[in-house]
C-alpha atoms as a PDB file:
ATOM      1  CA  MET A   1      18.127  16.537  -7.262  1.00  0.00           C
ATOM      2  CA  HIS A   2      21.070  18.799  -6.272  1.00  0.00           C
ATOM      3  CA  GLN A   3      21.025  21.112  -9.289  1.00  0.00           C
ATOM      4  CA  ALA A   4      17.416  21.184 -10.421  1.00  0.00           C
ATOM      5  CA  ARG A   5      15.418  20.063  -7.376  1.00  0.00           C
ATOM      6  CA  VAL A   6      14.040  17.125  -9.357  1.00  0.00           C
ATOM      7  CA  PRO A   7      11.931  14.601  -7.386  1.00  0.00           C
ATOM      8  CA  ALA A   8      13.871  11.364  -6.887  1.00  0.00           C
ATOM      9  CA  LEU A   9      12.689   7.756  -6.811  1.00  0.00           C
ATOM     10  CA  CYS A  10      15.598   5.343  -6.303  1.00  0.00           C
ATOM     11  CA  GLU A  11      15.542   1.548  -6.546  1.00  0.00           C
ATOM     12  CA  LYS A  12      15.895  -0.463  -3.352  1.00  0.00           C
ATOM     13  CA  SER A  13      18.162  -0.833  -1.537  1.00  0.00           C
ATOM     14  CA  MET A  14      18.565   2.905  -1.818  1.00  0.00           C
ATOM     15  CA  PHE A  15      21.627   3.228   0.418  1.00  0.00           C
ATOM     16  CA  MET A  16      24.492   1.081   1.663  1.00  0.00           C
ATOM     17  CA  THR A  17      24.881   2.802   5.042  1.00  0.00           C
ATOM     18  CA  LEU A  18      22.801   4.709   7.554  1.00  0.00           C
ATOM     19  CA  ALA A  19      25.110   7.712   7.213  1.00  0.00           C
ATOM     20  CA  GLU A  20      24.433   7.896   3.465  1.00  0.00           C
ATOM     21  CA  ALA A  21      20.690   7.689   4.044  1.00  0.00           C
ATOM     22  CA  GLU A  22      20.611  10.367   6.732  1.00  0.00           C
ATOM     23  CA  GLU A  23      22.662  12.739   4.592  1.00  0.00           C
ATOM     24  CA  ALA A  24      20.461  12.336   1.497  1.00  0.00           C
ATOM     25  CA  ILE A  25      17.166  12.557   3.397  1.00  0.00           C
ATOM     26  CA  CYS A  26      18.323  15.636   5.294  1.00  0.00           C
ATOM     27  CA  PHE A  27      19.396  17.214   1.999  1.00  0.00           C
ATOM     28  CA  ALA A  28      16.018  16.483   0.375  1.00  0.00           C
ATOM     29  CA  ARG A  29      14.054  17.848   3.323  1.00  0.00           C
ATOM     30  CA  GLU A  30      16.109  21.033   3.499  1.00  0.00           C
ATOM     31  CA  ARG A  31      15.503  21.722  -0.194  1.00  0.00           C
ATOM     32  CA  LYS A  32      11.897  20.522  -0.095  1.00  0.00           C
ATOM     33  CA  VAL A  33      12.429  17.840  -2.749  1.00  0.00           C
ATOM     34  CA  PHE A  34      10.451  14.606  -2.910  1.00  0.00           C
ATOM     35  CA  LEU A  35      12.622  11.546  -2.213  1.00  0.00           C
ATOM     36  CA  MET A  36      11.564   7.903  -1.941  1.00  0.00           C
ATOM     37  CA  GLU A  37      13.098   4.447  -1.903  1.00  0.00           C
ATOM     38  CA  ALA A  38      11.459   2.295  -4.572  1.00  0.00           C
ATOM     39  CA  MET A  39      10.107  -0.541  -2.464  1.00  0.00           C
ATOM     40  CA  TRP A  40       7.465  -1.217  -5.100  1.00  0.00           C
ATOM     41  CA  SER A  41       6.011  -4.305  -3.407  1.00  0.00           C
ATOM     42  CA  ARG A  42       4.467  -2.269  -0.595  1.00  0.00           C
ATOM     43  CA  PHE A  43       2.152  -0.615  -3.112  1.00  0.00           C
ATOM     44  CA  LEU A  44       0.708  -3.826  -4.578  1.00  0.00           C
ATOM     45  CA  PRO A  45      -3.060  -4.159  -3.983  1.00  0.00           C
ATOM     46  CA  CYS A  46      -2.628  -7.557  -2.318  1.00  0.00           C
ATOM     47  CA  VAL A  47      -0.032  -6.279   0.125  1.00  0.00           C
ATOM     48  CA  GLN A  48      -2.285  -3.309   0.840  1.00  0.00           C
ATOM     49  CA  LYS A  49      -5.204  -5.706   1.449  1.00  0.00           C
ATOM     50  CA  ALA A  50      -3.129  -7.814   3.863  1.00  0.00           C
ATOM     51  CA  ARG A  51      -2.215  -4.683   5.825  1.00  0.00           C
ATOM     52  CA  GLU A  52      -5.888  -3.666   5.863  1.00  0.00           C
ATOM     53  CA  TRP A  53      -6.875  -7.063   7.312  1.00  0.00           C
ATOM     54  CA  VAL A  54      -4.249  -6.701  10.032  1.00  0.00           C
ATOM     55  CA  ALA A  55      -5.390  -3.161  10.873  1.00  0.00           C
ATOM     56  CA  GLU A  56      -9.021  -4.330  11.064  1.00  0.00           C
ATOM     57  CA  GLY A  57      -8.051  -7.020  13.587  1.00  0.00           C
ATOM     58  CA  ARG A  58      -9.211  -9.835  11.322  1.00  0.00           C
ATOM     59  CA  ILE A  59      -6.553 -12.191  12.728  1.00  0.00           C
ATOM     60  CA  GLY A  60      -6.185 -10.468  16.092  1.00  0.00           C
ATOM     61  CA  THR A  61      -2.872  -9.037  17.262  1.00  0.00           C
ATOM     62  CA  VAL A  62      -0.116 -10.510  15.115  1.00  0.00           C
ATOM     63  CA  GLN A  63       2.036 -12.950  17.103  1.00  0.00           C
ATOM     64  CA  ILE A  64       4.165 -14.669  14.448  1.00  0.00           C
ATOM     65  CA  ALA A  65       5.239 -13.585  10.960  1.00  0.00           C
ATOM     66  CA  ASN A  66       7.521 -15.270   8.466  1.00  0.00           C
ATOM     67  CA  TYR A  67       8.926 -14.687   4.998  1.00  0.00           C
ATOM     68  CA  THR A  68      11.307 -16.906   3.033  1.00  0.00           C
ATOM     69  CA  GLY A  69      12.845 -15.992  -0.317  1.00  0.00           C
ATOM     70  CA  GLY A  70      15.745 -16.804  -2.568  1.00  0.00           C
ATOM     71  CA  ILE A  71      17.287 -16.996  -6.001  1.00  0.00           C
ATOM     72  CA  ASN A  72      19.668 -19.563  -7.472  1.00  0.00           C
ATOM     73  CA  ALA A  73      22.265 -17.120  -8.737  1.00  0.00           C
ATOM     74  CA  PRO A  74      25.022 -18.147 -11.188  1.00  0.00           C
ATOM     75  CA  ALA A  75      28.602 -17.795  -9.991  1.00  0.00           C
ATOM     76  CA  ASP A  76      29.202 -14.637 -12.047  1.00  0.00           C
ATOM     77  CA  HIS A  77      26.072 -12.848 -10.785  1.00  0.00           C
ATOM     78  CA  ARG A  78      26.517  -9.295  -9.497  1.00  0.00           C
ATOM     79  CA  ILE A  79      25.067 -10.346  -6.121  1.00  0.00           C
ATOM     80  CA  PHE A  80      28.414 -12.014  -5.310  1.00  0.00           C
ATOM     81  CA  LYS A  81      30.486  -8.931  -6.148  1.00  0.00           C
ATOM     82  CA  PRO A  82      31.263  -6.629  -3.210  1.00  0.00           C
ATOM     83  CA  GLU A  83      32.350  -3.798  -5.536  1.00  0.00           C
ATOM     84  CA  LEU A  84      28.763  -3.723  -6.880  1.00  0.00           C
ATOM     85  CA  GLY A  85      27.173  -3.655  -3.451  1.00  0.00           C
ATOM     86  CA  GLY A  86      26.475  -7.390  -3.586  1.00  0.00           C
ATOM     87  CA  GLY A  87      25.056  -9.656  -0.945  1.00  0.00           C
ATOM     88  CA  ALA A  88      21.734 -11.225  -0.079  1.00  0.00           C
ATOM     89  CA  MET A  89      20.915  -8.539   2.487  1.00  0.00           C
ATOM     90  CA  TYR A  90      20.779  -5.595   0.084  1.00  0.00           C
ATOM     91  CA  ASP A  91      19.190  -7.459  -2.819  1.00  0.00           C
ATOM     92  CA  LEU A  92      16.900 -10.093  -1.267  1.00  0.00           C
ATOM     93  CA  THR A  93      16.455  -9.584   2.477  1.00  0.00           C
ATOM     94  CA  VAL A  94      15.362  -6.007   1.908  1.00  0.00           C
ATOM     95  CA  TYR A  95      12.002  -7.389   0.711  1.00  0.00           C
ATOM     96  CA  PRO A  96      11.001  -9.317   3.860  1.00  0.00           C
ATOM     97  CA  ILE A  97      12.341  -6.586   6.141  1.00  0.00           C
ATOM     98  CA  GLU A  98      10.415  -3.783   4.464  1.00  0.00           C
ATOM     99  CA  ILE A  99       7.290  -5.835   3.782  1.00  0.00           C
ATOM    100  CA  LEU A 100       7.025  -7.458   7.220  1.00  0.00           C
ATOM    101  CA  THR A 101       7.634  -4.204   9.073  1.00  0.00           C
ATOM    102  CA  TYR A 102       4.894  -2.647   6.943  1.00  0.00           C
ATOM    103  CA  LEU A 103       2.382  -5.464   7.474  1.00  0.00           C
ATOM    104  CA  VAL A 104       3.016  -6.129  11.162  1.00  0.00           C
ATOM    105  CA  ASN A 105       3.027  -2.353  11.769  1.00  0.00           C
ATOM    106  CA  GLN A 106       4.517  -2.501  15.256  1.00  0.00           C
ATOM    107  CA  PRO A 107       7.690  -0.889  16.645  1.00  0.00           C
ATOM    108  CA  LEU A 108      10.763  -3.015  15.990  1.00  0.00           C
ATOM    109  CA  VAL A 109      12.389  -3.826  19.339  1.00  0.00           C
ATOM    110  CA  ASP A 110      15.348  -6.044  18.452  1.00  0.00           C
ATOM    111  CA  VAL A 111      17.100  -7.842  15.593  1.00  0.00           C
ATOM    112  CA  ARG A 112      19.121 -11.054  15.777  1.00  0.00           C
ATOM    113  CA  SER A 113      20.801 -12.725  12.856  1.00  0.00           C
ATOM    114  CA  GLU A 114      22.950 -15.467  11.434  1.00  0.00           C
ATOM    115  CA  ILE A 115      24.867 -14.605   8.279  1.00  0.00           C
ATOM    116  CA  ARG A 116      26.839 -16.941   6.015  1.00  0.00           C
ATOM    117  CA  ARG A 117      29.420 -15.301   3.771  1.00  0.00           C
ATOM    118  CA  GLY A 118      30.947 -16.695   0.601  1.00  0.00           C
ATOM    119  CA  SER A 119      34.470 -16.606  -0.794  1.00  0.00           C
ATOM    120  CA  SER A 120      34.061 -13.037  -2.117  1.00  0.00           C
ATOM    121  CA  GLY A 121      33.126 -11.782   1.334  1.00  0.00           C
ATOM    122  CA  VAL A 122      29.502 -10.929   0.666  1.00  0.00           C
ATOM    123  CA  ASP A 123      26.649 -12.490   2.602  1.00  0.00           C
ATOM    124  CA  GLU A 124      25.056 -15.369   0.674  1.00  0.00           C
ATOM    125  CA  ASP A 125      22.493 -16.605   3.221  1.00  0.00           C
ATOM    126  CA  ASN A 126      20.624 -14.591   5.860  1.00  0.00           C
ATOM    127  CA  SER A 127      18.516 -15.714   8.817  1.00  0.00           C
ATOM    128  CA  LEU A 128      16.958 -12.914  10.893  1.00  0.00           C
ATOM    129  CA  LEU A 129      14.685 -12.799  13.901  1.00  0.00           C
ATOM    130  CA  LEU A 130      12.778  -9.517  14.101  1.00  0.00           C
ATOM    131  CA  GLN A 131      11.311  -8.826  17.529  1.00  0.00           C
ATOM    132  CA  PHE A 132       8.320  -6.496  17.404  1.00  0.00           C
ATOM    133  CA  GLU A 133       6.126  -5.461  20.348  1.00  0.00           C
ATOM    134  CA  THR A 134       4.008  -8.614  20.296  1.00  0.00           C
ATOM    135  CA  CYS A 135       5.258 -10.384  17.174  1.00  0.00           C
ATOM    136  CA  ARG A 136       8.328 -12.425  16.365  1.00  0.00           C
ATOM    137  CA  GLY A 137       9.201 -12.283  12.679  1.00  0.00           C
ATOM    138  CA  ALA A 138      11.399 -14.946  11.082  1.00  0.00           C
ATOM    139  CA  VAL A 139      13.193 -14.151   7.823  1.00  0.00           C
ATOM    140  CA  GLN A 140      15.318 -16.454   5.676  1.00  0.00           C
ATOM    141  CA  THR A 141      16.901 -15.633   2.326  1.00  0.00           C
ATOM    142  CA  THR A 142      19.473 -17.350   0.155  1.00  0.00           C
ATOM    143  CA  THR A 143      21.367 -16.821  -3.097  1.00  0.00           C
ATOM    144  CA  HIS A 144      21.557 -20.591  -3.718  1.00  0.00           C
ATOM    145  CA  ALA A 145      17.939 -21.760  -4.067  1.00  0.00           C
ATOM    146  CA  ARG A 146      14.933 -20.408  -5.892  1.00  0.00           C
ATOM    147  CA  ILE A 147      12.101 -19.884  -3.392  1.00  0.00           C
ATOM    148  CA  PRO A 148       8.623 -18.541  -4.270  1.00  0.00           C
ATOM    149  CA  SER A 149       8.690 -15.989  -1.415  1.00  0.00           C
ATOM    150  CA  PRO A 150       5.795 -17.161   0.789  1.00  0.00           C
ATOM    151  CA  CYS A 151       4.778 -14.904   3.671  1.00  0.00           C
ATOM    152  CA  GLY A 152       2.500 -15.599   6.617  1.00  0.00           C
ATOM    153  CA  LEU A 153       1.049 -13.482   9.432  1.00  0.00           C
ATOM    154  CA  TYR A 154      -0.473 -15.394  12.359  1.00  0.00           C
ATOM    155  CA  GLY A 155      -2.716 -14.257  15.214  1.00  0.00           C
ATOM    156  CA  PRO A 156      -5.209 -15.752  17.695  1.00  0.00           C
ATOM    157  CA  LYS A 157      -8.138 -15.371  15.258  1.00  0.00           C
ATOM    158  CA  GLY A 158      -6.486 -16.771  12.144  1.00  0.00           C
ATOM    159  CA  TYR A 159      -3.788 -16.053   9.611  1.00  0.00           C
ATOM    160  CA  ILE A 160      -3.000 -14.293   6.336  1.00  0.00           C
ATOM    161  CA  ARG A 161      -1.097 -15.953   3.517  1.00  0.00           C
ATOM    162  CA  LEU A 162       0.692 -14.412   0.525  1.00  0.00           C
ATOM    163  CA  GLU A 163       2.576 -16.221  -2.221  1.00  0.00           C
ATOM    164  CA  GLN A 164       5.329 -14.619  -4.293  1.00  0.00           C
ATOM    165  CA  THR A 165       4.916 -11.796  -1.812  1.00  0.00           C
ATOM    166  CA  HIS A 166       7.188  -9.312  -3.559  1.00  0.00           C
ATOM    167  CA  ARG A 167       4.850  -9.458  -6.595  1.00  0.00           C
ATOM    168  CA  ALA A 168       1.733 -10.907  -4.974  1.00  0.00           C
ATOM    169  CA  CYS A 169      -1.415 -11.234  -7.078  1.00  0.00           C
ATOM    170  CA  ALA A 170      -3.480 -12.936  -4.335  1.00  0.00           C
ATOM    171  CA  ALA A 171      -3.922 -12.654  -0.567  1.00  0.00           C
ATOM    172  CA  GLU A 172      -5.808 -15.195   1.541  1.00  0.00           C
ATOM    173  CA  LEU A 173      -7.415 -14.785   4.951  1.00  0.00           C
ATOM    174  CA  TYR A 174      -8.040 -17.873   7.111  1.00  0.00           C
ATOM    175  CA  ASP A 175      -9.835 -18.255  10.430  1.00  0.00           C
ATOM    176  CA  GLY A 176      -8.546 -20.048  13.534  1.00  0.00           C
ATOM    177  CA  GLU A 177      -9.743 -23.415  12.184  1.00  0.00           C
ATOM    178  CA  PHE A 178      -7.681 -23.018   8.974  1.00  0.00           C
ATOM    179  CA  ARG A 179     -10.785 -22.331   6.892  1.00  0.00           C
ATOM    180  CA  LEU A 180     -10.505 -19.871   4.021  1.00  0.00           C
ATOM    181  CA  VAL A 181     -12.610 -16.818   4.892  1.00  0.00           C
ATOM    182  CA  GLU A 182     -11.686 -14.433   2.100  1.00  0.00           C
ATOM    183  CA  ARG A 183      -9.471 -14.396  -0.979  1.00  0.00           C
ATOM    184  CA  PHE A 184      -8.445 -11.161  -2.645  1.00  0.00           C
ATOM    185  CA  GLU A 185      -6.989 -11.163  -6.159  1.00  0.00           C
ATOM    186  CA  ALA A 186      -5.421  -8.371  -8.202  1.00  0.00           C
ATOM    187  CA  GLU A 187      -3.389  -9.024 -11.312  1.00  0.00           C
ATOM    188  CA  VAL A 188       0.040  -7.423 -11.466  1.00  0.00           C
ATOM    189  CA  GLU A 189       1.096  -6.216 -14.892  1.00  0.00           C
ATOM    190  CA  ASN A 190       4.673  -5.338 -13.988  1.00  0.00           C
ATOM    191  CA  GLY A 191       4.374  -4.328 -10.331  1.00  0.00           C
ATOM    192  CA  PHE A 192       5.711  -0.808 -10.712  1.00  0.00           C
ATOM    193  CA  GLU A 193       2.511   0.863 -11.857  1.00  0.00           C
ATOM    194  CA  TYR A 194       1.100   1.259  -8.330  1.00  0.00           C
ATOM    195  CA  GLU A 195       4.287   2.777  -6.973  1.00  0.00           C
ATOM    196  CA  ALA A 196       4.507   5.125  -9.956  1.00  0.00           C
ATOM    197  CA  ALA A 197       0.934   6.316  -9.396  1.00  0.00           C
ATOM    198  CA  GLU A 198       1.685   7.100  -5.743  1.00  0.00           C
ATOM    199  CA  VAL A 199       4.849   9.034  -6.605  1.00  0.00           C
ATOM    200  CA  MET A 200       2.970  11.116  -9.177  1.00  0.00           C
ATOM    201  CA  ARG A 201       0.225  11.818  -6.641  1.00  0.00           C
ATOM    202  CA  CYS A 202       2.766  12.907  -4.006  1.00  0.00           C
ATOM    203  CA  VAL A 203       4.644  15.190  -6.384  1.00  0.00           C
ATOM    204  CA  ARG A 204       1.456  16.830  -7.663  1.00  0.00           C
ATOM    205  CA  ALA A 205       0.277  17.362  -4.084  1.00  0.00           C
ATOM    206  CA  GLY A 206       3.602  18.889  -3.058  1.00  0.00           C
ATOM    207  CA  GLU A 207       4.352  16.104  -0.562  1.00  0.00           C
ATOM    208  CA  LEU A 208       8.003  15.356   0.234  1.00  0.00           C
ATOM    209  CA  GLU A 209       7.517  11.667   1.058  1.00  0.00           C
ATOM    210  CA  SER A 210       4.949   8.901   0.754  1.00  0.00           C
ATOM    211  CA  ALA A 211       3.057   7.554   3.760  1.00  0.00           C
ATOM    212  CA  VAL A 212       3.426   4.069   2.267  1.00  0.00           C
ATOM    213  CA  MET A 213       7.234   4.289   1.986  1.00  0.00           C
ATOM    214  CA  PRO A 214       8.266   7.146   4.306  1.00  0.00           C
ATOM    215  CA  HIS A 215      11.853   8.174   5.031  1.00  0.00           C
ATOM    216  CA  ARG A 216      11.716   6.721   8.550  1.00  0.00           C
ATOM    217  CA  ASP A 217      11.079   3.227   7.148  1.00  0.00           C
ATOM    218  CA  THR A 218      14.073   3.455   4.813  1.00  0.00           C
ATOM    219  CA  LEU A 219      16.207   4.469   7.804  1.00  0.00           C
ATOM    220  CA  GLU A 220      14.770   1.649   9.926  1.00  0.00           C
ATOM    221  CA  CYS A 221      15.566  -0.922   7.247  1.00  0.00           C
ATOM    222  CA  ILE A 222      19.178   0.221   7.010  1.00  0.00           C
ATOM    223  CA  ARG A 223      19.511   0.010  10.790  1.00  0.00           C
ATOM    224  CA  VAL A 224      18.381  -3.602  10.493  1.00  0.00           C
ATOM    225  CA  PHE A 225      20.938  -4.188   7.707  1.00  0.00           C
ATOM    226  CA  GLU A 226      23.786  -2.798   9.751  1.00  0.00           C
ATOM    227  CA  LYS A 227      22.894  -4.600  12.963  1.00  0.00           C
ATOM    228  CA  ALA A 228      22.271  -7.927  11.217  1.00  0.00           C
ATOM    229  CA  LEU A 229      25.456  -7.833   9.133  1.00  0.00           C
ATOM    230  CA  LYS A 230      27.595  -6.729  12.066  1.00  0.00           C
ATOM    231  CA  GLY A 231      26.296  -9.156  14.628  1.00  0.00           C
ATOM    232  CA  GLY A 232      25.340 -12.268  12.710  1.00  0.00           C
ATOM    233  CA  ASP A 233      28.495 -13.530  10.950  1.00  0.00           C
ATOM    234  CA  ARG A 234      29.030 -17.266  11.150  1.00  0.00           C
END
C-alpha cells in the first residue's frame, strides 16, 4: 500500500492496538487507498438477512442479544502464544463483537468484561457485556470447548436465531409466541466469496471503504478489545 497504492484487505483482527489502527487508516485516507478489515462473516447472505429483519422492525427494538463461540485448541496452538498475537479476544471474540454490533446497529455505550488468562499470559476465556442504547449484548468465548457459535437477537415482537453464525447458512425469524415465521437459507461455499465481491465493487467504484465493514467499525472493535482486556482480568 505504501509504495504502489495497492488496495488492502487484511484478515481480522487487523490490528493489535488502537494506535496502529488509527495510523494505518489515516495513512490510507491521505493517499486515497482502499483499506478494509476482512470480517468476512458480515457479508454472508444470512447475516445480511438478519440485519434486514432488524432494520424492518420484525422483532421490534432489540432488547437482548447473545453470541457464544469457542474452539478446543491443542496446547501448542498459536492462540496460546503471545508472540503471535494470541488470545481468545483477537481470534474468537472478534466475531461476536463485530457481528453483534453490526446486527444490533445501535451506538455502543459501555463494555464490561471478565477475562481468564492462561500460563502464557494470553486470555483463554472471555465474557463481555456490551451495553447498547436499548440492548444488552452478552458474549462468551473460550479456547477450551468447541461451540457451534449460536447467536440470538430478541425483541418485544419475537426473535432471530442464527447457528454457526460466523459461517451461517440459515437465519430464522420467530414471533413472540416462539412460532417460526420465516426461514432464510443460503449455502456458503467458503464464506469469502461475498466479501471478495464487495471489495472488488468498492475498488472499481473508487470507494475507500465498504459500508458493510467501514473503518469506524474496525476502530470501535479495537476500543472494545482494549477496554475489555484492561478491565476484565480475573
